């Protein structure tokens, strides 16, 4: 939860100034603010749904969060183009529709997961009757704050780089964005291993099997590193233009994307 909260708060607070810096042209500035306003809302709902997801996983309920996540994929595949391009009575909202689609998914996920916790059907019951304990906050933040540094630093590097690239040209900014998207495709792979590792390590720590928990953590980290490195080594020999030919052949961002890749 802490690792999600820290970077989200920083990003939400920086949205107005970043939008003004990145969206240099008058044509792109309104769209940037419109999308950012929807994305900031989805960040709040993403935080609440992510918190509920982690609580359920910590209680041993891996099935419901997985079903909600898998169910969100076809929902976004339908809702995103519907809101972006419009169909029938639904107006075309353009780039604003992308933010609304994402916000809608996280809102529905939050309602489903929160309702499960309130009813006590997820292995743990959500209650507001218990008082806050300082010692528990100390234990949680002692781990969570350090864990959040990885997310904060990685995203902060992208934010700073985006600021400087945006001062050159819109084509360079588009190319940089395409390259970053390809780089971020590696993150879900690691998160997939991490989700399983958190549950297995937590269960073994709770059972007092410290050595087994360490062995699981190091084995999972090695498998994730080998997997992502294999993807990188397989992609490195390919011509840079092959990554962006389908997405950037009409935008002029392909040449700008090649140096970064």
C-alpha atoms as a PDB file:
ATOM      1  CA  UNK A   1       0.000   0.000   0.000  1.00  0.00           C
ATOM      2  CA  UNK A   2       2.780   2.433   0.957  1.00  0.00           C
ATOM      3  CA  UNK A   3       4.693   1.652  -2.235  1.00  0.00           C
ATOM      4  CA  UNK A   4       1.588   2.630  -4.219  1.00  0.00           C
ATOM      5  CA  UNK A   5       0.648   5.681  -2.165  1.00  0.00           C
ATOM      6  CA  UNK A   6       3.954   7.567  -2.224  1.00  0.00           C
ATOM      7  CA  UNK A   7       4.490   7.786  -6.011  1.00  0.00           C
ATOM      8  CA  UNK A   8       0.790   8.404  -6.680  1.00  0.00           C
ATOM      9  CA  UNK A   9       0.688  11.367  -4.297  1.00  0.00           C
ATOM     10  CA  UNK A  10       3.790  12.838  -5.944  1.00  0.00           C
ATOM     11  CA  UNK A  11       2.388  12.389  -9.436  1.00  0.00           C
ATOM     12  CA  UNK A  12      -1.042  13.825  -8.571  1.00  0.00           C
ATOM     13  CA  UNK A  13       0.541  16.872  -6.963  1.00  0.00           C
ATOM     14  CA  UNK A  14       2.786  17.469  -9.971  1.00  0.00           C
ATOM     15  CA  UNK A  15       0.115  17.063 -12.682  1.00  0.00           C
ATOM     16  CA  UNK A  16      -0.636  20.772 -13.368  1.00  0.00           C
ATOM     17  CA  UNK A  17       2.995  21.879 -13.626  1.00  0.00           C
ATOM     18  CA  UNK A  18       4.059  18.821 -15.623  1.00  0.00           C
ATOM     19  CA  UNK A  19       1.198  19.275 -18.073  1.00  0.00           C
ATOM     20  CA  UNK A  20       2.162  22.885 -18.682  1.00  0.00           C
ATOM     21  CA  UNK A  21       5.798  21.917 -19.264  1.00  0.00           C
ATOM     22  CA  UNK A  22       5.184  18.893 -21.476  1.00  0.00           C
ATOM     23  CA  UNK A  23       2.314  20.209 -23.571  1.00  0.00           C
ATOM     24  CA  UNK A  24       4.208  22.999 -25.302  1.00  0.00           C
ATOM     25  CA  UNK A  25       1.839  23.558 -28.197  1.00  0.00           C
ATOM     26  CA  UNK A  26      -1.591  25.158 -27.769  1.00  0.00           C
ATOM     27  CA  UNK A  27      -3.231  22.236 -29.541  1.00  0.00           C
ATOM     28  CA  UNK A  28      -1.902  19.614 -27.137  1.00  0.00           C
ATOM     29  CA  UNK A  29      -2.308  21.563 -23.874  1.00  0.00           C
ATOM     30  CA  UNK A  30      -6.108  21.196 -23.449  1.00  0.00           C
ATOM     31  CA  UNK A  31      -5.945  17.468 -24.230  1.00  0.00           C
ATOM     32  CA  UNK A  32      -3.107  17.064 -21.761  1.00  0.00           C
ATOM     33  CA  UNK A  33      -5.029  18.725 -18.921  1.00  0.00           C
ATOM     34  CA  UNK A  34      -8.182  16.792 -19.803  1.00  0.00           C
ATOM     35  CA  UNK A  35      -6.412  13.443 -19.738  1.00  0.00           C
ATOM     36  CA  UNK A  36      -4.425  14.286 -16.602  1.00  0.00           C
ATOM     37  CA  UNK A  37      -7.590  15.177 -14.688  1.00  0.00           C
ATOM     38  CA  UNK A  38      -9.081  11.779 -15.501  1.00  0.00           C
ATOM     39  CA  UNK A  39      -5.793   9.986 -14.820  1.00  0.00           C
ATOM     40  CA  UNK A  40      -5.432  11.637 -11.406  1.00  0.00           C
ATOM     41  CA  UNK A  41      -8.907  10.387 -10.521  1.00  0.00           C
ATOM     42  CA  UNK A  42      -8.023   6.889 -11.680  1.00  0.00           C
ATOM     43  CA  UNK A  43      -4.893   7.064  -9.501  1.00  0.00           C
ATOM     44  CA  UNK A  44      -7.071   7.495  -6.422  1.00  0.00           C
ATOM     45  CA  UNK A  45      -9.329   4.585  -7.376  1.00  0.00           C
ATOM     46  CA  UNK A  46      -6.262   2.536  -8.338  1.00  0.00           C
ATOM     47  CA  UNK A  47      -4.845   3.161  -4.867  1.00  0.00           C
ATOM     48  CA  UNK A  48      -8.025   2.014  -3.115  1.00  0.00           C
ATOM     49  CA  UNK A  49      -8.464  -1.048  -5.323  1.00  0.00           C
ATOM     50  CA  UNK A  50      -4.774  -1.903  -4.949  1.00  0.00           C
ATOM     51  CA  UNK A  51      -5.031  -1.615  -1.171  1.00  0.00           C
ATOM     52  CA  UNK A  52      -8.073  -3.917  -1.084  1.00  0.00           C
ATOM     53  CA  UNK A  53      -6.286  -6.327  -3.430  1.00  0.00           C
ATOM     54  CA  UNK A  54      -3.244  -6.538  -1.170  1.00  0.00           C
ATOM     55  CA  UNK A  55      -5.399  -7.065   1.924  1.00  0.00           C
ATOM     56  CA  UNK A  56      -7.198  -9.961   0.260  1.00  0.00           C
ATOM     57  CA  UNK A  57      -3.936 -11.481  -0.969  1.00  0.00           C
ATOM     58  CA  UNK A  58      -2.445 -11.150   2.497  1.00  0.00           C
ATOM     59  CA  UNK A  59      -5.443 -13.030   3.894  1.00  0.00           C
ATOM     60  CA  UNK A  60      -4.822 -15.856   1.405  1.00  0.00           C
ATOM     61  CA  UNK A  61      -7.530 -14.945  -1.116  1.00  0.00           C
ATOM     62  CA  UNK A  62      -5.666 -14.854  -4.428  1.00  0.00           C
ATOM     63  CA  UNK A  63      -8.606 -15.892  -6.574  1.00  0.00           C
ATOM     64  CA  UNK A  64     -10.860 -12.825  -6.368  1.00  0.00           C
ATOM     65  CA  UNK A  65      -8.165 -10.195  -7.106  1.00  0.00           C
ATOM     66  CA  UNK A  66      -7.017 -12.296 -10.065  1.00  0.00           C
ATOM     67  CA  UNK A  67     -10.561 -12.587 -11.408  1.00  0.00           C
ATOM     68  CA  UNK A  68     -11.112  -8.829 -11.071  1.00  0.00           C
ATOM     69  CA  UNK A  69      -7.869  -8.109 -12.912  1.00  0.00           C
ATOM     70  CA  UNK A  70      -8.537 -10.618 -15.685  1.00  0.00           C
ATOM     71  CA  UNK A  71     -12.116  -9.384 -16.046  1.00  0.00           C
ATOM     72  CA  UNK A  72     -10.867  -5.823 -16.438  1.00  0.00           C
ATOM     73  CA  UNK A  73      -8.940  -6.671 -19.622  1.00  0.00           C
ATOM     74  CA  UNK A  74     -11.979  -7.369 -21.865  1.00  0.00           C
ATOM     75  CA  UNK A  75     -13.787  -4.484 -20.190  1.00  0.00           C
ATOM     76  CA  UNK A  76     -11.059  -2.017 -21.182  1.00  0.00           C
ATOM     77  CA  UNK A  77     -10.761  -3.546 -24.656  1.00  0.00           C
ATOM     78  CA  UNK A  78     -14.418  -2.695 -25.218  1.00  0.00           C
ATOM     79  CA  UNK A  79     -14.810   0.477 -23.156  1.00  0.00           C
ATOM     80  CA  UNK A  80     -11.652   2.274 -24.305  1.00  0.00           C
ATOM     81  CA  UNK A  81     -12.379   2.352 -28.074  1.00  0.00           C
ATOM     82  CA  UNK A  82     -16.065   2.969 -27.333  1.00  0.00           C
ATOM     83  CA  UNK A  83     -15.324   6.141 -25.357  1.00  0.00           C
ATOM     84  CA  UNK A  84     -12.407   7.265 -27.519  1.00  0.00           C
ATOM     85  CA  UNK A  85     -13.999   6.849 -30.967  1.00  0.00           C
ATOM     86  CA  UNK A  86     -17.685   6.732 -30.024  1.00  0.00           C
ATOM     87  CA  UNK A  87     -20.386   4.444 -31.342  1.00  0.00           C
ATOM     88  CA  UNK A  88     -24.110   5.038 -31.838  1.00  0.00           C
ATOM     89  CA  UNK A  89     -25.418   7.315 -29.083  1.00  0.00           C
ATOM     90  CA  UNK A  90     -22.029   7.328 -27.301  1.00  0.00           C
ATOM     91  CA  UNK A  91     -20.080  10.455 -28.340  1.00  0.00           C
ATOM     92  CA  UNK A  92     -16.423  10.318 -29.333  1.00  0.00           C
ATOM     93  CA  UNK A  93     -14.486  11.735 -26.380  1.00  0.00           C
ATOM     94  CA  UNK A  94     -11.054  11.344 -27.909  1.00  0.00           C
ATOM     95  CA  UNK A  95      -8.143  11.179 -25.499  1.00  0.00           C
ATOM     96  CA  UNK A  96     -10.468  12.010 -22.597  1.00  0.00           C
ATOM     97  CA  UNK A  97     -12.247   8.696 -23.167  1.00  0.00           C
ATOM     98  CA  UNK A  98      -9.046   6.787 -22.397  1.00  0.00           C
ATOM     99  CA  UNK A  99      -8.858   8.352 -18.949  1.00  0.00           C
ATOM    100  CA  UNK A 100     -12.550   7.745 -18.306  1.00  0.00           C
ATOM    101  CA  UNK A 101     -12.265   4.079 -19.294  1.00  0.00           C
ATOM    102  CA  UNK A 102      -9.373   3.520 -16.913  1.00  0.00           C
ATOM    103  CA  UNK A 103     -11.161   5.352 -14.102  1.00  0.00           C
ATOM    104  CA  UNK A 104     -14.305   3.272 -14.664  1.00  0.00           C
ATOM    105  CA  UNK A 105     -12.385   0.008 -14.392  1.00  0.00           C
ATOM    106  CA  UNK A 106     -10.637   0.957 -11.160  1.00  0.00           C
ATOM    107  CA  UNK A 107     -13.896   2.259  -9.682  1.00  0.00           C
ATOM    108  CA  UNK A 108     -15.723  -1.011 -10.418  1.00  0.00           C
ATOM    109  CA  UNK A 109     -12.783  -3.013  -9.059  1.00  0.00           C
ATOM    110  CA  UNK A 110     -12.805  -0.932  -5.873  1.00  0.00           C
ATOM    111  CA  UNK A 111     -16.533  -1.512  -5.325  1.00  0.00           C
ATOM    112  CA  UNK A 112     -16.225  -5.286  -5.834  1.00  0.00           C
ATOM    113  CA  UNK A 113     -13.195  -5.720  -3.595  1.00  0.00           C
ATOM    114  CA  UNK A 114     -14.395  -3.326  -0.877  1.00  0.00           C
ATOM    115  CA  UNK A 115     -17.806  -5.026  -0.748  1.00  0.00           C
ATOM    116  CA  UNK A 116     -16.068  -8.384  -0.277  1.00  0.00           C
ATOM    117  CA  UNK A 117     -14.005  -7.020   2.604  1.00  0.00           C
ATOM    118  CA  UNK A 118     -16.964  -5.336   4.291  1.00  0.00           C
ATOM    119  CA  UNK A 119     -19.007  -8.559   4.135  1.00  0.00           C
ATOM    120  CA  UNK A 120     -16.092 -10.572   5.476  1.00  0.00           C
ATOM    121  CA  UNK A 121     -16.099 -13.052   2.602  1.00  0.00           C
ATOM    122  CA  UNK A 122     -12.485 -12.556   1.610  1.00  0.00           C
ATOM    123  CA  UNK A 123     -10.845 -14.123   4.663  1.00  0.00           C
ATOM    124  CA  UNK A 124     -10.804 -10.855   6.601  1.00  0.00           C
ATOM    125  CA  UNK A 125     -13.549  -8.382   7.586  1.00  0.00           C
ATOM    126  CA  UNK A 126     -13.075  -4.643   7.118  1.00  0.00           C
ATOM    127  CA  UNK A 127     -14.013  -2.737  10.274  1.00  0.00           C
ATOM    128  CA  UNK A 128     -13.619   0.877  11.380  1.00  0.00           C
ATOM    129  CA  UNK A 129     -14.177   0.115  15.060  1.00  0.00           C
ATOM    130  CA  UNK A 130     -10.563  -0.719  15.846  1.00  0.00           C
ATOM    131  CA  UNK A 131      -8.302   2.088  17.028  1.00  0.00           C
ATOM    132  CA  UNK A 132      -5.125   2.957  15.170  1.00  0.00           C
ATOM    133  CA  UNK A 133      -1.971   1.563  16.775  1.00  0.00           C
ATOM    134  CA  UNK A 134       1.306   3.418  16.475  1.00  0.00           C
ATOM    135  CA  UNK A 135       3.439   0.290  16.853  1.00  0.00           C
ATOM    136  CA  UNK A 136       1.722  -1.409  13.904  1.00  0.00           C
ATOM    137  CA  UNK A 137       2.169   1.685  11.744  1.00  0.00           C
ATOM    138  CA  UNK A 138       5.860   1.662  12.642  1.00  0.00           C
ATOM    139  CA  UNK A 139       6.267  -1.957  11.551  1.00  0.00           C
ATOM    140  CA  UNK A 140       4.365  -1.441   8.301  1.00  0.00           C
ATOM    141  CA  UNK A 141       6.061   1.822   7.339  1.00  0.00           C
ATOM    142  CA  UNK A 142       9.462   0.409   8.295  1.00  0.00           C
ATOM    143  CA  UNK A 143       9.100  -1.956   5.334  1.00  0.00           C
ATOM    144  CA  UNK A 144       6.709  -0.050   3.071  1.00  0.00           C
ATOM    145  CA  UNK A 145       8.590   3.257   2.910  1.00  0.00           C
ATOM    146  CA  UNK A 146      11.793   1.533   1.821  1.00  0.00           C
ATOM    147  CA  UNK A 147       9.871  -0.529  -0.715  1.00  0.00           C
ATOM    148  CA  UNK A 148       8.340   2.626  -2.186  1.00  0.00           C
ATOM    149  CA  UNK A 149      11.776   4.050  -3.019  1.00  0.00           C
ATOM    150  CA  UNK A 150      12.104   1.677  -5.975  1.00  0.00           C
ATOM    151  CA  UNK A 151       8.819   2.847  -7.494  1.00  0.00           C
ATOM    152  CA  UNK A 152       9.434   6.513  -6.705  1.00  0.00           C
ATOM    153  CA  UNK A 153      12.947   6.604  -8.175  1.00  0.00           C
ATOM    154  CA  UNK A 154      12.101   4.670 -11.345  1.00  0.00           C
ATOM    155  CA  UNK A 155       9.093   6.865 -12.129  1.00  0.00           C
ATOM    156  CA  UNK A 156      10.893  10.055 -11.092  1.00  0.00           C
ATOM    157  CA  UNK A 157      13.618   9.313 -13.635  1.00  0.00           C
ATOM    158  CA  UNK A 158      10.963   9.049 -16.352  1.00  0.00           C
ATOM    159  CA  UNK A 159       9.285  12.290 -15.223  1.00  0.00           C
ATOM    160  CA  UNK A 160      12.555  14.232 -15.252  1.00  0.00           C
ATOM    161  CA  UNK A 161      13.593  12.779 -18.615  1.00  0.00           C
ATOM    162  CA  UNK A 162      10.157  13.592 -20.060  1.00  0.00           C
ATOM    163  CA  UNK A 163      10.510  17.199 -18.908  1.00  0.00           C
ATOM    164  CA  UNK A 164      13.786  17.664 -20.772  1.00  0.00           C
ATOM    165  CA  UNK A 165      12.732  15.744 -23.894  1.00  0.00           C
ATOM    166  CA  UNK A 166       9.517  17.789 -24.128  1.00  0.00           C
ATOM    167  CA  UNK A 167      11.582  20.962 -24.471  1.00  0.00           C
ATOM    168  CA  UNK A 168      13.005  19.764 -27.801  1.00  0.00           C
ATOM    169  CA  UNK A 169      10.088  18.779 -30.059  1.00  0.00           C
ATOM    170  CA  UNK A 170       6.761  16.977 -30.032  1.00  0.00           C
ATOM    171  CA  UNK A 171       8.193  14.284 -32.333  1.00  0.00           C
ATOM    172  CA  UNK A 172      10.999  13.584 -29.867  1.00  0.00           C
ATOM    173  CA  UNK A 173       8.480  13.472 -27.014  1.00  0.00           C
ATOM    174  CA  UNK A 174       6.320  10.976 -28.917  1.00  0.00           C
ATOM    175  CA  UNK A 175       9.343   8.816 -29.720  1.00  0.00           C
ATOM    176  CA  UNK A 176      10.487   8.916 -26.108  1.00  0.00           C
ATOM    177  CA  UNK A 177       6.996   7.906 -24.995  1.00  0.00           C
ATOM    178  CA  UNK A 178       6.989   4.906 -27.329  1.00  0.00           C
ATOM    179  CA  UNK A 179      10.368   3.791 -26.054  1.00  0.00           C
ATOM    180  CA  UNK A 180       9.329   4.109 -22.411  1.00  0.00           C
ATOM    181  CA  UNK A 181       6.185   2.087 -23.093  1.00  0.00           C
ATOM    182  CA  UNK A 182       8.304  -0.745 -24.487  1.00  0.00           C
ATOM    183  CA  UNK A 183      10.573  -0.545 -21.453  1.00  0.00           C
ATOM    184  CA  UNK A 184       7.591  -0.655 -19.089  1.00  0.00           C
ATOM    185  CA  UNK A 185       6.391  -3.873 -20.715  1.00  0.00           C
ATOM    186  CA  UNK A 186       9.060  -5.589 -18.632  1.00  0.00           C
ATOM    187  CA  UNK A 187       7.496  -4.426 -15.364  1.00  0.00           C
ATOM    188  CA  UNK A 188       4.340  -6.615 -15.480  1.00  0.00           C
ATOM    189  CA  UNK A 189       6.574  -9.643 -16.021  1.00  0.00           C
ATOM    190  CA  UNK A 190       8.429  -8.934 -12.780  1.00  0.00           C
ATOM    191  CA  UNK A 191       5.190  -8.045 -11.002  1.00  0.00           C
ATOM    192  CA  UNK A 192       3.789 -11.423 -12.011  1.00  0.00           C
ATOM    193  CA  UNK A 193       6.620 -13.195 -10.196  1.00  0.00           C
ATOM    194  CA  UNK A 194       6.444 -10.714  -7.323  1.00  0.00           C
ATOM    195  CA  UNK A 195       2.745 -11.318  -6.680  1.00  0.00           C
ATOM    196  CA  UNK A 196       3.362 -15.031  -6.173  1.00  0.00           C
ATOM    197  CA  UNK A 197       6.528 -14.413  -4.163  1.00  0.00           C
ATOM    198  CA  UNK A 198       4.815 -12.057  -1.705  1.00  0.00           C
ATOM    199  CA  UNK A 199       2.218 -14.695  -0.857  1.00  0.00           C
ATOM    200  CA  UNK A 200       4.725 -17.563  -0.529  1.00  0.00           C
ATOM    201  CA  UNK A 201       7.294 -15.573   1.456  1.00  0.00           C
ATOM    202  CA  UNK A 202       4.599 -14.154   3.748  1.00  0.00           C
ATOM    203  CA  UNK A 203       3.121 -17.580   4.468  1.00  0.00           C
ATOM    204  CA  UNK A 204       6.522 -19.051   5.300  1.00  0.00           C
ATOM    205  CA  UNK A 205       7.483 -16.122   7.511  1.00  0.00           C
ATOM    206  CA  UNK A 206       4.196 -16.476   9.345  1.00  0.00           C
ATOM    207  CA  UNK A 207       4.938 -20.176   9.857  1.00  0.00           C
ATOM    208  CA  UNK A 208       8.391 -19.387  11.213  1.00  0.00           C
ATOM    209  CA  UNK A 209      10.229 -20.963   8.254  1.00  0.00           C
ATOM    210  CA  UNK A 210      12.705 -18.119   7.770  1.00  0.00           C
ATOM    211  CA  UNK A 211      15.291 -20.023   5.738  1.00  0.00           C
ATOM    212  CA  UNK A 212      12.672 -21.354   3.335  1.00  0.00           C
ATOM    213  CA  UNK A 213      11.252 -17.845   2.891  1.00  0.00           C
ATOM    214  CA  UNK A 214      14.726 -16.524   2.003  1.00  0.00           C
ATOM    215  CA  UNK A 215      15.291 -19.364  -0.447  1.00  0.00           C
ATOM    216  CA  UNK A 216      11.962 -18.656  -2.144  1.00  0.00           C
ATOM    217  CA  UNK A 217      12.737 -14.929  -2.382  1.00  0.00           C
ATOM    218  CA  UNK A 218      16.202 -15.414  -3.908  1.00  0.00           C
ATOM    219  CA  UNK A 219      14.977 -18.120  -6.296  1.00  0.00           C
ATOM    220  CA  UNK A 220      12.086 -15.935  -7.483  1.00  0.00           C
ATOM    221  CA  UNK A 221      14.373 -12.928  -7.930  1.00  0.00           C
ATOM    222  CA  UNK A 222      16.778 -15.019 -10.009  1.00  0.00           C
ATOM    223  CA  UNK A 223      13.992 -16.388 -12.217  1.00  0.00           C
ATOM    224  CA  UNK A 224      12.577 -12.870 -12.775  1.00  0.00           C
ATOM    225  CA  UNK A 225      16.029 -11.497 -13.638  1.00  0.00           C
ATOM    226  CA  UNK A 226      16.760 -14.324 -16.086  1.00  0.00           C
ATOM    227  CA  UNK A 227      13.354 -13.928 -17.742  1.00  0.00           C
ATOM    228  CA  UNK A 228      13.594 -10.180 -18.262  1.00  0.00           C
ATOM    229  CA  UNK A 229      17.227 -10.394 -19.365  1.00  0.00           C
ATOM    230  CA  UNK A 230      16.249 -13.044 -21.909  1.00  0.00           C
ATOM    231  CA  UNK A 231      13.641 -10.685 -23.348  1.00  0.00           C
ATOM    232  CA  UNK A 232      16.203  -7.883 -23.535  1.00  0.00           C
ATOM    233  CA  UNK A 233      18.860 -10.015 -25.194  1.00  0.00           C
ATOM    234  CA  UNK A 234      16.341 -11.356 -27.705  1.00  0.00           C
ATOM    235  CA  UNK A 235      15.154  -7.852 -28.604  1.00  0.00           C
ATOM    236  CA  UNK A 236      18.576  -6.204 -28.739  1.00  0.00           C
ATOM    237  CA  UNK A 237      19.697  -7.613 -32.149  1.00  0.00           C
ATOM    238  CA  UNK A 238      16.450  -6.564 -33.869  1.00  0.00           C
ATOM    239  CA  UNK A 239      16.408  -3.320 -35.875  1.00  0.00           C
ATOM    240  CA  UNK A 240      15.071  -0.480 -33.675  1.00  0.00           C
ATOM    241  CA  UNK A 241      12.490   0.485 -36.277  1.00  0.00           C
ATOM    242  CA  UNK A 242      10.761  -2.879 -35.962  1.00  0.00           C
ATOM    243  CA  UNK A 243       9.430  -1.917 -32.521  1.00  0.00           C
ATOM    244  CA  UNK A 244       7.632   1.190 -33.663  1.00  0.00           C
ATOM    245  CA  UNK A 245       6.849   0.636 -37.320  1.00  0.00           C
ATOM    246  CA  UNK A 246       3.206  -0.203 -36.672  1.00  0.00           C
ATOM    247  CA  UNK A 247       2.601   2.627 -34.203  1.00  0.00           C
ATOM    248  CA  UNK A 248       4.769   5.475 -35.388  1.00  0.00           C
ATOM    249  CA  UNK A 249       4.981   5.354 -39.173  1.00  0.00           C
ATOM    250  CA  UNK A 250       2.687   8.378 -39.540  1.00  0.00           C
ATOM    251  CA  UNK A 251       3.756  10.481 -36.557  1.00  0.00           C
ATOM    252  CA  UNK A 252       7.389  11.201 -37.348  1.00  0.00           C
ATOM    253  CA  UNK A 253       8.372   9.774 -33.963  1.00  0.00           C
ATOM    254  CA  UNK A 254      10.051   6.652 -35.313  1.00  0.00           C
ATOM    255  CA  UNK A 255      13.467   8.315 -35.916  1.00  0.00           C
ATOM    256  CA  UNK A 256      13.267   9.972 -32.499  1.00  0.00           C
ATOM    257  CA  UNK A 257      12.510   6.647 -30.843  1.00  0.00           C
ATOM    258  CA  UNK A 258      15.480   4.755 -32.300  1.00  0.00           C
ATOM    259  CA  UNK A 259      18.309   6.419 -30.285  1.00  0.00           C
ATOM    260  CA  UNK A 260      16.527   5.755 -26.992  1.00  0.00           C
ATOM    261  CA  UNK A 261      15.879   2.094 -27.816  1.00  0.00           C
END
